[in-house]
PDB file of all heavy atoms in Angstrom:
ATOM      1  N   ILE A   1      57.607 150.243  73.308  1.00  0.00           N
ATOM      2  CA  ILE A   1      57.930 150.571  71.933  1.00  0.00           C
ATOM      3  C   ILE A   1      59.346 150.079  71.659  1.00  0.00           C
ATOM      4  O   ILE A   1      60.296 150.465  72.356  1.00  0.00           O
ATOM      5  CB  ILE A   1      57.823 152.079  71.678  1.00  0.00           C
ATOM      6  CG1 ILE A   1      56.403 152.547  72.003  1.00  0.00           C
ATOM      7  CG2 ILE A   1      58.182 152.414  70.250  1.00  0.00           C
ATOM      8  CD1 ILE A   1      56.222 154.023  72.001  1.00  0.00           C
ATOM      9  N   ILE A   2      59.486 149.242  70.644  1.00  0.00           N
ATOM     10  CA  ILE A   2      60.806 148.713  70.286  1.00  0.00           C
ATOM     11  C   ILE A   2      61.233 149.311  68.950  1.00  0.00           C
ATOM     12  O   ILE A   2      60.403 149.809  68.190  1.00  0.00           O
ATOM     13  CB  ILE A   2      60.803 147.176  70.231  1.00  0.00           C
ATOM     14  CG1 ILE A   2      59.762 146.658  69.234  1.00  0.00           C
ATOM     15  CG2 ILE A   2      60.550 146.593  71.595  1.00  0.00           C
ATOM     16  CD1 ILE A   2      59.823 145.166  69.013  1.00  0.00           C
ATOM     17  N   ASN A   3      62.508 149.266  68.646  1.00  0.00           N
ATOM     18  CA  ASN A   3      63.106 149.823  67.428  1.00  0.00           C
ATOM     19  C   ASN A   3      62.819 151.318  67.281  1.00  0.00           C
ATOM     20  O   ASN A   3      62.440 151.800  66.220  1.00  0.00           O
ATOM     21  CB  ASN A   3      62.619 149.080  66.173  1.00  0.00           C
ATOM     22  CG  ASN A   3      63.097 147.645  66.146  1.00  0.00           C
ATOM     23  OD1 ASN A   3      64.151 147.334  66.679  1.00  0.00           O
ATOM     24  ND2 ASN A   3      62.319 146.782  65.543  1.00  0.00           N
ATOM     25  N   CYS A   4      63.032 152.080  68.342  1.00  0.00           N
ATOM     26  CA  CYS A   4      62.774 153.522  68.308  1.00  0.00           C
ATOM     27  C   CYS A   4      63.680 154.235  67.307  1.00  0.00           C
ATOM     28  O   CYS A   4      63.292 155.261  66.737  1.00  0.00           O
ATOM     29  CB  CYS A   4      62.978 154.123  69.680  1.00  0.00           C
ATOM     30  SG  CYS A   4      61.688 153.681  70.840  1.00  0.00           S
ATOM     31  N   GLU A   5      64.868 153.706  67.085  1.00  0.00           N
ATOM     32  CA  GLU A   5      65.793 154.376  66.169  1.00  0.00           C
ATOM     33  C   GLU A   5      65.348 154.273  64.720  1.00  0.00           C
ATOM     34  O   GLU A   5      65.850 154.979  63.857  1.00  0.00           O
ATOM     35  CB  GLU A   5      67.208 153.801  66.316  1.00  0.00           C
ATOM     36  CG  GLU A   5      67.375 152.364  65.868  1.00  0.00           C
ATOM     37  CD  GLU A   5      67.010 151.347  66.935  1.00  0.00           C
ATOM     38  OE1 GLU A   5      66.631 151.748  68.034  1.00  0.00           O
ATOM     39  OE2 GLU A   5      67.119 150.139  66.637  1.00  0.00           O
ATOM     40  N   LYS A   6      64.359 153.412  64.426  1.00  0.00           N
ATOM     41  CA  LYS A   6      63.888 153.236  63.055  1.00  0.00           C
ATOM     42  C   LYS A   6      62.591 153.998  62.777  1.00  0.00           C
ATOM     43  O   LYS A   6      62.012 153.870  61.700  1.00  0.00           O
ATOM     44  CB  LYS A   6      63.688 151.753  62.759  1.00  0.00           C
ATOM     45  CG  LYS A   6      64.993 150.974  62.800  1.00  0.00           C
ATOM     46  CD  LYS A   6      64.784 149.532  62.486  1.00  0.00           C
ATOM     47  CE  LYS A   6      66.097 148.775  62.600  1.00  0.00           C
ATOM     48  NZ  LYS A   6      65.901 147.336  62.351  1.00  0.00           N
ATOM     49  N   ALA A   7      62.119 154.805  63.726  1.00  0.00           N
ATOM     50  CA  ALA A   7      60.928 155.633  63.497  1.00  0.00           C
ATOM     51  C   ALA A   7      61.287 156.744  62.506  1.00  0.00           C
ATOM     52  O   ALA A   7      62.423 157.192  62.429  1.00  0.00           O
ATOM     53  CB  ALA A   7      60.426 156.223  64.804  1.00  0.00           C
ATOM     54  N   VAL A   8      60.301 157.184  61.746  1.00  0.00           N
ATOM     55  CA  VAL A   8      60.529 158.134  60.656  1.00  0.00           C
ATOM     56  C   VAL A   8      60.028 159.515  61.055  1.00  0.00           C
ATOM     57  O   VAL A   8      58.905 159.657  61.548  1.00  0.00           O
ATOM     58  CB  VAL A   8      59.788 157.656  59.382  1.00  0.00           C
ATOM     59  CG1 VAL A   8      59.975 158.646  58.259  1.00  0.00           C
ATOM     60  CG2 VAL A   8      60.269 156.280  58.972  1.00  0.00           C
ATOM     61  N   LEU A   9      60.867 160.531  60.838  1.00  0.00           N
ATOM     62  CA  LEU A   9      60.461 161.923  60.998  1.00  0.00           C
ATOM     63  C   LEU A   9      60.099 162.441  59.621  1.00  0.00           C
ATOM     64  O   LEU A   9      60.888 162.339  58.686  1.00  0.00           O
ATOM     65  CB  LEU A   9      61.597 162.766  61.582  1.00  0.00           C
ATOM     66  CG  LEU A   9      62.051 162.416  62.990  1.00  0.00           C
ATOM     67  CD1 LEU A   9      63.276 163.235  63.347  1.00  0.00           C
ATOM     68  CD2 LEU A   9      60.947 162.695  63.961  1.00  0.00           C
ATOM     69  N   THR A  10      58.909 163.000  59.462  1.00  0.00           N
ATOM     70  CA  THR A  10      58.490 163.480  58.146  1.00  0.00           C
ATOM     71  C   THR A  10      59.019 164.881  57.904  1.00  0.00           C
ATOM     72  O   THR A  10      59.361 165.608  58.839  1.00  0.00           O
ATOM     73  CB  THR A  10      56.958 163.491  58.028  1.00  0.00           C
ATOM     74  OG1 THR A  10      56.416 164.292  59.060  1.00  0.00           O
ATOM     75  CG2 THR A  10      56.409 162.088  58.125  1.00  0.00           C
ATOM     76  N   GLY A  11      59.076 165.266  56.654  1.00  0.00           N
ATOM     77  CA  GLY A  11      59.586 166.569  56.253  1.00  0.00           C
ATOM     78  C   GLY A  11      60.918 166.410  55.543  1.00  0.00           C
ATOM     79  O   GLY A  11      61.523 165.333  55.543  1.00  0.00           O
ATOM     80  N   THR A  12      61.374 167.486  54.953  1.00  0.00           N
ATOM     81  CA  THR A  12      62.659 167.414  54.276  1.00  0.00           C
ATOM     82  C   THR A  12      63.782 167.367  55.303  1.00  0.00           C
ATOM     83  O   THR A  12      63.622 167.792  56.443  1.00  0.00           O
ATOM     84  CB  THR A  12      62.863 168.647  53.352  1.00  0.00           C
ATOM     85  OG1 THR A  12      62.864 169.817  54.160  1.00  0.00           O
ATOM     86  CG2 THR A  12      61.767 168.708  52.312  1.00  0.00           C
ATOM     87  N   ARG A  13      64.906 166.869  54.886  1.00  0.00           N
ATOM     88  CA  ARG A  13      66.041 166.725  55.779  1.00  0.00           C
ATOM     89  C   ARG A  13      66.474 168.073  56.343  1.00  0.00           C
ATOM     90  O   ARG A  13      66.800 168.197  57.523  1.00  0.00           O
ATOM     91  CB  ARG A  13      67.187 166.052  55.016  1.00  0.00           C
ATOM     92  CG  ARG A  13      68.400 165.763  55.831  1.00  0.00           C
ATOM     93  CD  ARG A  13      69.452 165.048  54.981  1.00  0.00           C
ATOM     94  NE  ARG A  13      70.671 164.834  55.684  1.00  0.00           N
ATOM     95  CZ  ARG A  13      70.943 163.765  56.411  1.00  0.00           C
ATOM     96  NH1 ARG A  13      70.045 162.811  56.529  1.00  0.00           N
ATOM     97  NH2 ARG A  13      72.091 163.643  57.040  1.00  0.00           N
ATOM     98  N   GLU A  14      66.463 169.112  55.495  1.00  0.00           N
ATOM     99  CA  GLU A  14      66.897 170.440  55.931  1.00  0.00           C
ATOM    100  C   GLU A  14      65.954 171.007  56.992  1.00  0.00           C
ATOM    101  O   GLU A  14      66.391 171.612  57.969  1.00  0.00           O
ATOM    102  CB  GLU A  14      66.961 171.388  54.734  1.00  0.00           C
ATOM    103  CG  GLU A  14      68.055 171.052  53.738  1.00  0.00           C
ATOM    104  CD  GLU A  14      67.653 169.935  52.771  1.00  0.00           C
ATOM    105  OE1 GLU A  14      66.437 169.698  52.597  1.00  0.00           O
ATOM    106  OE2 GLU A  14      68.553 169.293  52.219  1.00  0.00           O
ATOM    107  N   ASN A  15      64.652 170.818  56.812  1.00  0.00           N
ATOM    108  CA  ASN A  15      63.685 171.356  57.778  1.00  0.00           C
ATOM    109  C   ASN A  15      63.776 170.657  59.122  1.00  0.00           C
ATOM    110  O   ASN A  15      63.675 171.288  60.177  1.00  0.00           O
ATOM    111  CB  ASN A  15      62.260 171.232  57.234  1.00  0.00           C
ATOM    112  CG  ASN A  15      61.986 172.207  56.125  1.00  0.00           C
ATOM    113  OD1 ASN A  15      62.692 173.181  55.970  1.00  0.00           O
ATOM    114  ND2 ASN A  15      60.951 171.938  55.354  1.00  0.00           N
ATOM    115  N   VAL A  16      63.962 169.333  59.105  1.00  0.00           N
ATOM    116  CA  VAL A  16      64.069 168.578  60.361  1.00  0.00           C
ATOM    117  C   VAL A  16      65.305 169.006  61.131  1.00  0.00           C
ATOM    118  O   VAL A  16      65.259 169.281  62.340  1.00  0.00           O
ATOM    119  CB  VAL A  16      64.090 167.057  60.072  1.00  0.00           C
ATOM    120  CG1 VAL A  16      64.411 166.278  61.332  1.00  0.00           C
ATOM    121  CG2 VAL A  16      62.757 166.606  59.504  1.00  0.00           C
ATOM    122  N   PHE A  17      66.444 169.117  60.434  1.00  0.00           N
ATOM    123  CA  PHE A  17      67.675 169.523  61.110  1.00  0.00           C
ATOM    124  C   PHE A  17      67.594 170.975  61.570  1.00  0.00           C
ATOM    125  O   PHE A  17      68.097 171.315  62.646  1.00  0.00           O
ATOM    126  CB  PHE A  17      68.890 169.326  60.202  1.00  0.00           C
ATOM    127  CG  PHE A  17      69.368 167.908  60.164  1.00  0.00           C
ATOM    128  CD1 PHE A  17      69.302 167.164  59.002  1.00  0.00           C
ATOM    129  CD2 PHE A  17      69.873 167.295  61.298  1.00  0.00           C
ATOM    130  CE1 PHE A  17      69.734 165.864  58.965  1.00  0.00           C
ATOM    131  CE2 PHE A  17      70.309 165.989  61.277  1.00  0.00           C
ATOM    132  CZ  PHE A  17      70.244 165.265  60.111  1.00  0.00           C
ATOM    133  N   ALA A  18      66.956 171.843  60.794  1.00  0.00           N
ATOM    134  CA  ALA A  18      66.837 173.236  61.191  1.00  0.00           C
ATOM    135  C   ALA A  18      66.003 173.373  62.461  1.00  0.00           C
ATOM    136  O   ALA A  18      66.295 174.198  63.328  1.00  0.00           O
ATOM    137  CB  ALA A  18      66.214 174.055  60.059  1.00  0.00           C
ATOM    138  N   LYS A  19      64.953 172.559  62.586  1.00  0.00           N
ATOM    139  CA  LYS A  19      64.104 172.616  63.767  1.00  0.00           C
ATOM    140  C   LYS A  19      64.878 172.237  65.029  1.00  0.00           C
ATOM    141  O   LYS A  19      64.814 172.920  66.049  1.00  0.00           O
ATOM    142  CB  LYS A  19      62.931 171.662  63.578  1.00  0.00           C
ATOM    143  CG  LYS A  19      61.991 171.576  64.747  1.00  0.00           C
ATOM    144  CD  LYS A  19      60.902 170.583  64.480  1.00  0.00           C
ATOM    145  CE  LYS A  19      60.058 170.346  65.706  1.00  0.00           C
ATOM    146  NZ  LYS A  19      59.043 169.316  65.498  1.00  0.00           N
ATOM    147  N   TYR A  20      65.675 171.165  64.953  1.00  0.00           N
ATOM    148  CA  TYR A  20      66.400 170.724  66.136  1.00  0.00           C
ATOM    149  C   TYR A  20      67.613 171.595  66.415  1.00  0.00           C
ATOM    150  O   TYR A  20      68.010 171.766  67.558  1.00  0.00           O
ATOM    151  CB  TYR A  20      66.769 169.250  66.018  1.00  0.00           C
ATOM    152  CG  TYR A  20      65.548 168.395  66.211  1.00  0.00           C
ATOM    153  CD1 TYR A  20      64.898 167.823  65.118  1.00  0.00           C
ATOM    154  CD2 TYR A  20      65.003 168.210  67.460  1.00  0.00           C
ATOM    155  CE1 TYR A  20      63.749 167.073  65.301  1.00  0.00           C
ATOM    156  CE2 TYR A  20      63.857 167.467  67.648  1.00  0.00           C
ATOM    157  CZ  TYR A  20      63.243 166.897  66.561  1.00  0.00           C
ATOM    158  OH  TYR A  20      62.096 166.174  66.741  1.00  0.00           O
ATOM    159  N   LYS A  21      68.220 172.190  65.389  1.00  0.00           N
ATOM    160  CA  LYS A  21      69.310 173.141  65.609  1.00  0.00           C
ATOM    161  C   LYS A  21      68.791 174.381  66.318  1.00  0.00           C
ATOM    162  O   LYS A  21      69.448 174.948  67.186  1.00  0.00           O
ATOM    163  CB  LYS A  21      69.961 173.534  64.284  1.00  0.00           C
ATOM    164  CG  LYS A  21      70.822 172.480  63.679  1.00  0.00           C
ATOM    165  CD  LYS A  21      72.183 172.541  64.277  1.00  0.00           C
ATOM    166  CE  LYS A  21      73.079 171.601  63.492  1.00  0.00           C
ATOM    167  NZ  LYS A  21      74.423 171.597  64.017  1.00  0.00           N
ATOM    168  N   ALA A  22      67.578 174.834  65.935  1.00  0.00           N
ATOM    169  CA  ALA A  22      67.000 176.017  66.568  1.00  0.00           C
ATOM    170  C   ALA A  22      66.706 175.761  68.041  1.00  0.00           C
ATOM    171  O   ALA A  22      66.834 176.649  68.870  1.00  0.00           O
ATOM    172  CB  ALA A  22      65.731 176.425  65.839  1.00  0.00           C
ATOM    173  N   LYS A  23      66.300 174.531  68.370  1.00  0.00           N
ATOM    174  CA  LYS A  23      66.043 174.214  69.779  1.00  0.00           C
ATOM    175  C   LYS A  23      67.320 174.188  70.603  1.00  0.00           C
ATOM    176  O   LYS A  23      67.310 174.457  71.787  1.00  0.00           O
ATOM    177  CB  LYS A  23      65.359 172.843  69.899  1.00  0.00           C
ATOM    178  CG  LYS A  23      63.902 172.858  69.538  1.00  0.00           C
ATOM    179  CD  LYS A  23      63.301 171.504  69.805  1.00  0.00           C
ATOM    180  CE  LYS A  23      61.836 171.477  69.502  1.00  0.00           C
ATOM    181  NZ  LYS A  23      61.245 170.158  69.748  1.00  0.00           N
ATOM    182  N   GLN A  24      68.436 173.860  69.961  1.00  0.00           N
ATOM    183  CA  GLN A  24      69.700 173.744  70.682  1.00  0.00           C
ATOM    184  C   GLN A  24      70.481 175.051  70.734  1.00  0.00           C
ATOM    185  O   GLN A  24      71.490 175.132  71.393  1.00  0.00           O
ATOM    186  CB  GLN A  24      70.577 172.669  70.039  1.00  0.00           C
ATOM    187  CG  GLN A  24      70.040 171.279  70.218  1.00  0.00           C
ATOM    188  CD  GLN A  24      70.877 170.242  69.507  1.00  0.00           C
ATOM    189  OE1 GLN A  24      71.707 170.579  68.670  1.00  0.00           O
ATOM    190  NE2 GLN A  24      70.660 168.988  69.828  1.00  0.00           N
ATOM    191  N   SER A  25      70.017 176.079  70.041  1.00  0.00           N
ATOM    192  CA  SER A  25      70.772 177.326  70.001  1.00  0.00           C
ATOM    193  C   SER A  25      70.770 177.974  71.393  1.00  0.00           C
ATOM    194  O   SER A  25      69.778 177.915  72.110  1.00  0.00           O
ATOM    195  CB  SER A  25      70.171 178.284  68.972  1.00  0.00           C
ATOM    196  OG  SER A  25      68.882 178.683  69.374  1.00  0.00           O
ATOM    197  N   PRO A  26      71.869 178.622  71.757  1.00  0.00           N
ATOM    198  CA  PRO A  26      71.980 179.199  73.108  1.00  0.00           C
ATOM    199  C   PRO A  26      71.257 180.540  73.237  1.00  0.00           C
ATOM    200  O   PRO A  26      71.864 181.592  73.191  1.00  0.00           O
ATOM    201  CB  PRO A  26      73.486 179.356  73.292  1.00  0.00           C
ATOM    202  CG  PRO A  26      73.999 179.521  71.914  1.00  0.00           C
ATOM    203  CD  PRO A  26      73.105 178.716  71.015  1.00  0.00           C
ATOM    204  N   ARG A  27      69.936 180.500  73.397  1.00  0.00           N
ATOM    205  CA  ARG A  27      69.170 181.736  73.601  1.00  0.00           C
ATOM    206  C   ARG A  27      69.206 182.121  75.067  1.00  0.00           C
ATOM    207  O   ARG A  27      69.863 183.070  75.455  1.00  0.00           O
ATOM    208  CB  ARG A  27      67.737 181.545  73.131  1.00  0.00           C
ATOM    209  CG  ARG A  27      67.628 181.391  71.625  1.00  0.00           C
ATOM    210  CD  ARG A  27      66.224 181.092  71.291  1.00  0.00           C
ATOM    211  NE  ARG A  27      65.952 179.734  71.788  1.00  0.00           N
ATOM    212  CZ  ARG A  27      65.024 178.948  71.340  1.00  0.00           C
ATOM    213  NH1 ARG A  27      64.221 179.350  70.410  1.00  0.00           N
ATOM    214  NH2 ARG A  27      64.854 177.744  71.814  1.00  0.00           N
ATOM    215  N   ASP A  28      68.478 181.382  75.860  1.00  0.00           N
ATOM    216  CA  ASP A  28      68.423 181.627  77.295  1.00  0.00           C
ATOM    217  C   ASP A  28      68.840 180.335  77.968  1.00  0.00           C
ATOM    218  O   ASP A  28      68.131 179.334  77.893  1.00  0.00           O
ATOM    219  CB  ASP A  28      67.010 182.026  77.711  1.00  0.00           C
ATOM    220  CG  ASP A  28      66.923 182.411  79.165  1.00  0.00           C
ATOM    221  OD1 ASP A  28      67.998 182.517  79.801  1.00  0.00           O
ATOM    222  OD2 ASP A  28      65.822 182.595  79.666  1.00  0.00           O
ATOM    223  N   VAL A  29      69.983 180.340  78.597  1.00  0.00           N
ATOM    224  CA  VAL A  29      70.561 179.110  79.131  1.00  0.00           C
ATOM    225  C   VAL A  29      69.699 178.509  80.229  1.00  0.00           C
ATOM    226  O   VAL A  29      69.584 177.298  80.345  1.00  0.00           O
ATOM    227  CB  VAL A  29      71.996 179.391  79.655  1.00  0.00           C
ATOM    228  CG1 VAL A  29      72.603 178.134  80.213  1.00  0.00           C
ATOM    229  CG2 VAL A  29      72.854 179.931  78.536  1.00  0.00           C
ATOM    230  N   THR A  30      69.017 179.331  81.002  1.00  0.00           N
ATOM    231  CA  THR A  30      68.241 178.790  82.112  1.00  0.00           C
ATOM    232  C   THR A  30      66.924 178.167  81.656  1.00  0.00           C
ATOM    233  O   THR A  30      66.405 177.279  82.318  1.00  0.00           O
ATOM    234  CB  THR A  30      67.933 179.894  83.141  1.00  0.00           C
ATOM    235  OG1 THR A  30      67.235 180.951  82.485  1.00  0.00           O
ATOM    236  CG2 THR A  30      69.214 180.426  83.749  1.00  0.00           C
ATOM    237  N   HIS A  31      66.355 178.604  80.536  1.00  0.00           N
ATOM    238  CA  HIS A  31      65.069 178.097  80.075  1.00  0.00           C
ATOM    239  C   HIS A  31      65.184 177.367  78.743  1.00  0.00           C
ATOM    240  O   HIS A  31      64.222 177.290  77.999  1.00  0.00           O
ATOM    241  CB  HIS A  31      64.076 179.248  79.941  1.00  0.00           C
ATOM    242  CG  HIS A  31      63.766 179.898  81.242  1.00  0.00           C
ATOM    243  ND1 HIS A  31      64.418 181.032  81.674  1.00  0.00           N
ATOM    244  CD2 HIS A  31      62.905 179.564  82.220  1.00  0.00           C
ATOM    245  CE1 HIS A  31      63.957 181.366  82.861  1.00  0.00           C
ATOM    246  NE2 HIS A  31      63.044 180.501  83.230  1.00  0.00           N
ATOM    247  N   LYS A  32      66.342 176.865  78.435  1.00  0.00           N
ATOM    248  CA  LYS A  32      66.561 176.181  77.177  1.00  0.00           C
ATOM    249  C   LYS A  32      65.874 174.810  77.211  1.00  0.00           C
ATOM    250  O   LYS A  32      65.981 174.090  78.202  1.00  0.00           O
ATOM    251  CB  LYS A  32      68.066 176.003  76.974  1.00  0.00           C
ATOM    252  CG  LYS A  32      68.446 175.511  75.602  1.00  0.00           C
ATOM    253  CD  LYS A  32      69.946 175.645  75.454  1.00  0.00           C
ATOM    254  CE  LYS A  32      70.502 174.386  74.903  1.00  0.00           C
ATOM    255  NZ  LYS A  32      71.909 174.426  74.698  1.00  0.00           N
ATOM    256  N   PRO A  33      65.148 174.434  76.146  1.00  0.00           N
ATOM    257  CA  PRO A  33      64.494 173.127  76.160  1.00  0.00           C
ATOM    258  C   PRO A  33      65.509 171.999  76.066  1.00  0.00           C
ATOM    259  O   PRO A  33      66.579 172.151  75.470  1.00  0.00           O
ATOM    260  CB  PRO A  33      63.605 173.152  74.917  1.00  0.00           C
ATOM    261  CG  PRO A  33      64.242 174.137  74.026  1.00  0.00           C
ATOM    262  CD  PRO A  33      64.870 175.160  74.918  1.00  0.00           C
ATOM    263  N   ILE A  34      65.179 170.885  76.661  1.00  0.00           N
ATOM    264  CA  ILE A  34      66.068 169.721  76.637  1.00  0.00           C
ATOM    265  C   ILE A  34      65.803 168.938  75.362  1.00  0.00           C
ATOM    266  O   ILE A  34      64.676 168.530  75.107  1.00  0.00           O
ATOM    267  CB  ILE A  34      65.831 168.837  77.864  1.00  0.00           C
ATOM    268  CG1 ILE A  34      66.148 169.625  79.135  1.00  0.00           C
ATOM    269  CG2 ILE A  34      66.677 167.589  77.796  1.00  0.00           C
ATOM    270  CD1 ILE A  34      65.765 168.906  80.402  1.00  0.00           C
ATOM    271  N   VAL A  35      66.838 168.768  74.554  1.00  0.00           N
ATOM    272  CA  VAL A  35      66.720 168.012  73.317  1.00  0.00           C
ATOM    273  C   VAL A  35      67.635 166.802  73.443  1.00  0.00           C
ATOM    274  O   VAL A  35      68.853 166.951  73.562  1.00  0.00           O
ATOM    275  CB  VAL A  35      67.113 168.869  72.094  1.00  0.00           C
ATOM    276  CG1 VAL A  35      66.995 168.044  70.830  1.00  0.00           C
ATOM    277  CG2 VAL A  35      66.247 170.099  72.026  1.00  0.00           C
ATOM    278  N   TYR A  36      67.057 165.617  73.442  1.00  0.00           N
ATOM    279  CA  TYR A  36      67.833 164.406  73.580  1.00  0.00           C
ATOM    280  C   TYR A  36      68.323 163.929  72.234  1.00  0.00           C
ATOM    281  O   TYR A  36      67.654 164.083  71.211  1.00  0.00           O
ATOM    282  CB  TYR A  36      66.984 163.306  74.215  1.00  0.00           C
ATOM    283  CG  TYR A  36      66.643 163.583  75.652  1.00  0.00           C
ATOM    284  CD1 TYR A  36      65.409 164.084  76.012  1.00  0.00           C
ATOM    285  CD2 TYR A  36      67.580 163.372  76.648  1.00  0.00           C
ATOM    286  CE1 TYR A  36      65.097 164.338  77.331  1.00  0.00           C
ATOM    287  CE2 TYR A  36      67.283 163.626  77.971  1.00  0.00           C
ATOM    288  CZ  TYR A  36      66.045 164.105  78.309  1.00  0.00           C
ATOM    289  OH  TYR A  36      65.755 164.366  79.600  1.00  0.00           O
ATOM    290  N   LYS A  37      69.503 163.340  72.213  1.00  0.00           N
ATOM    291  CA  LYS A  37      70.056 162.780  70.984  1.00  0.00           C
ATOM    292  C   LYS A  37      69.809 161.281  70.893  1.00  0.00           C
ATOM    293  O   LYS A  37      69.932 160.700  69.834  1.00  0.00           O
ATOM    294  CB  LYS A  37      71.553 163.065  70.908  1.00  0.00           C
ATOM    295  CG  LYS A  37      71.847 164.557  70.779  1.00  0.00           C
ATOM    296  CD  LYS A  37      73.309 164.814  70.642  1.00  0.00           C
ATOM    297  CE  LYS A  37      73.562 166.303  70.552  1.00  0.00           C
ATOM    298  NZ  LYS A  37      74.980 166.613  70.455  1.00  0.00           N
ATOM    299  N   MET A  38      69.471 160.661  72.017  1.00  0.00           N
ATOM    300  CA  MET A  38      69.178 159.236  71.995  1.00  0.00           C
ATOM    301  C   MET A  38      67.778 159.020  71.402  1.00  0.00           C
ATOM    302  O   MET A  38      66.830 159.716  71.805  1.00  0.00           O
ATOM    303  CB  MET A  38      69.250 158.662  73.407  1.00  0.00           C
ATOM    304  CG  MET A  38      70.615 158.780  74.035  1.00  0.00           C
ATOM    305  SD  MET A  38      70.699 158.044  75.669  1.00  0.00           S
ATOM    306  CE  MET A  38      69.542 159.032  76.559  1.00  0.00           C
ATOM    307  N   PRO A  39      67.620 158.088  70.470  1.00  0.00           N
ATOM    308  CA  PRO A  39      66.321 157.928  69.815  1.00  0.00           C
ATOM    309  C   PRO A  39      65.207 157.492  70.754  1.00  0.00           C
ATOM    310  O   PRO A  39      64.060 157.906  70.583  1.00  0.00           O
ATOM    311  CB  PRO A  39      66.580 156.883  68.732  1.00  0.00           C
ATOM    312  CG  PRO A  39      67.895 156.303  69.003  1.00  0.00           C
ATOM    313  CD  PRO A  39      68.635 157.228  69.897  1.00  0.00           C
ATOM    314  N   ASP A  40      65.514 156.691  71.763  1.00  0.00           N
ATOM    315  CA  ASP A  40      64.457 156.250  72.662  1.00  0.00           C
ATOM    316  C   ASP A  40      63.932 157.412  73.510  1.00  0.00           C
ATOM    317  O   ASP A  40      62.727 157.520  73.747  1.00  0.00           O
ATOM    318  CB  ASP A  40      64.945 155.108  73.553  1.00  0.00           C
ATOM    319  CG  ASP A  40      66.183 155.455  74.340  1.00  0.00           C
ATOM    320  OD1 ASP A  40      66.930 156.346  73.909  1.00  0.00           O
ATOM    321  OD2 ASP A  40      66.399 154.845  75.405  1.00  0.00           O
ATOM    322  N   MET A  41      64.801 158.324  73.912  1.00  0.00           N
ATOM    323  CA  MET A  41      64.348 159.472  74.687  1.00  0.00           C
ATOM    324  C   MET A  41      63.609 160.478  73.809  1.00  0.00           C
ATOM    325  O   MET A  41      62.680 161.142  74.261  1.00  0.00           O
ATOM    326  CB  MET A  41      65.531 160.158  75.378  1.00  0.00           C
ATOM    327  CG  MET A  41      66.127 159.337  76.498  1.00  0.00           C
ATOM    328  SD  MET A  41      64.920 158.893  77.772  1.00  0.00           S
ATOM    329  CE  MET A  41      64.535 160.484  78.447  1.00  0.00           C
ATOM    330  N   LEU A  42      63.994 160.580  72.530  1.00  0.00           N
ATOM    331  CA  LEU A  42      63.289 161.464  71.606  1.00  0.00           C
ATOM    332  C   LEU A  42      61.852 161.006  71.425  1.00  0.00           C
ATOM    333  O   LEU A  42      60.920 161.804  71.456  1.00  0.00           O
ATOM    334  CB  LEU A  42      64.015 161.498  70.261  1.00  0.00           C
ATOM    335  CG  LEU A  42      63.409 162.392  69.189  1.00  0.00           C
ATOM    336  CD1 LEU A  42      63.559 163.844  69.595  1.00  0.00           C
ATOM    337  CD2 LEU A  42      64.052 162.144  67.856  1.00  0.00           C
ATOM    338  N   VAL A  43      61.651 159.697  71.290  1.00  0.00           N
ATOM    339  CA  VAL A  43      60.299 159.141  71.151  1.00  0.00           C
ATOM    340  C   VAL A  43      59.527 159.333  72.444  1.00  0.00           C
ATOM    341  O   VAL A  43      58.353 159.724  72.433  1.00  0.00           O
ATOM    342  CB  VAL A  43      60.371 157.652  70.753  1.00  0.00           C
ATOM    343  CG1 VAL A  43      59.007 157.005  70.798  1.00  0.00           C
ATOM    344  CG2 VAL A  43      60.970 157.505  69.361  1.00  0.00           C
ATOM    345  N   ARG A  44      60.169 159.094  73.564  1.00  0.00           N
ATOM    346  CA  ARG A  44      59.490 159.212  74.851  1.00  0.00           C
ATOM    347  C   ARG A  44      59.049 160.651  75.136  1.00  0.00           C
ATOM    348  O   ARG A  44      57.942 160.883  75.626  1.00  0.00           O
ATOM    349  CB  ARG A  44      60.411 158.688  75.949  1.00  0.00           C
ATOM    350  CG  ARG A  44      59.725 158.475  77.245  1.00  0.00           C
ATOM    351  CD  ARG A  44      60.640 157.750  78.207  1.00  0.00           C
ATOM    352  NE  ARG A  44      60.181 158.008  79.552  1.00  0.00           N
ATOM    353  CZ  ARG A  44      59.550 157.112  80.301  1.00  0.00           C
ATOM    354  NH1 ARG A  44      59.348 155.922  79.836  1.00  0.00           N
ATOM    355  NH2 ARG A  44      59.139 157.422  81.502  1.00  0.00           N
TER     356      ARG A  44
END
């Protein structure tokens, strides 16, 4: 897959950011999901 940074996430901008902010919130440090900021890892 090439041009991963140009893939489109659907939904409003606020909802997309709220979803990823919620994943990054410090709930349980040992079981926190890994959220990548690099577009190729996000697609993968």
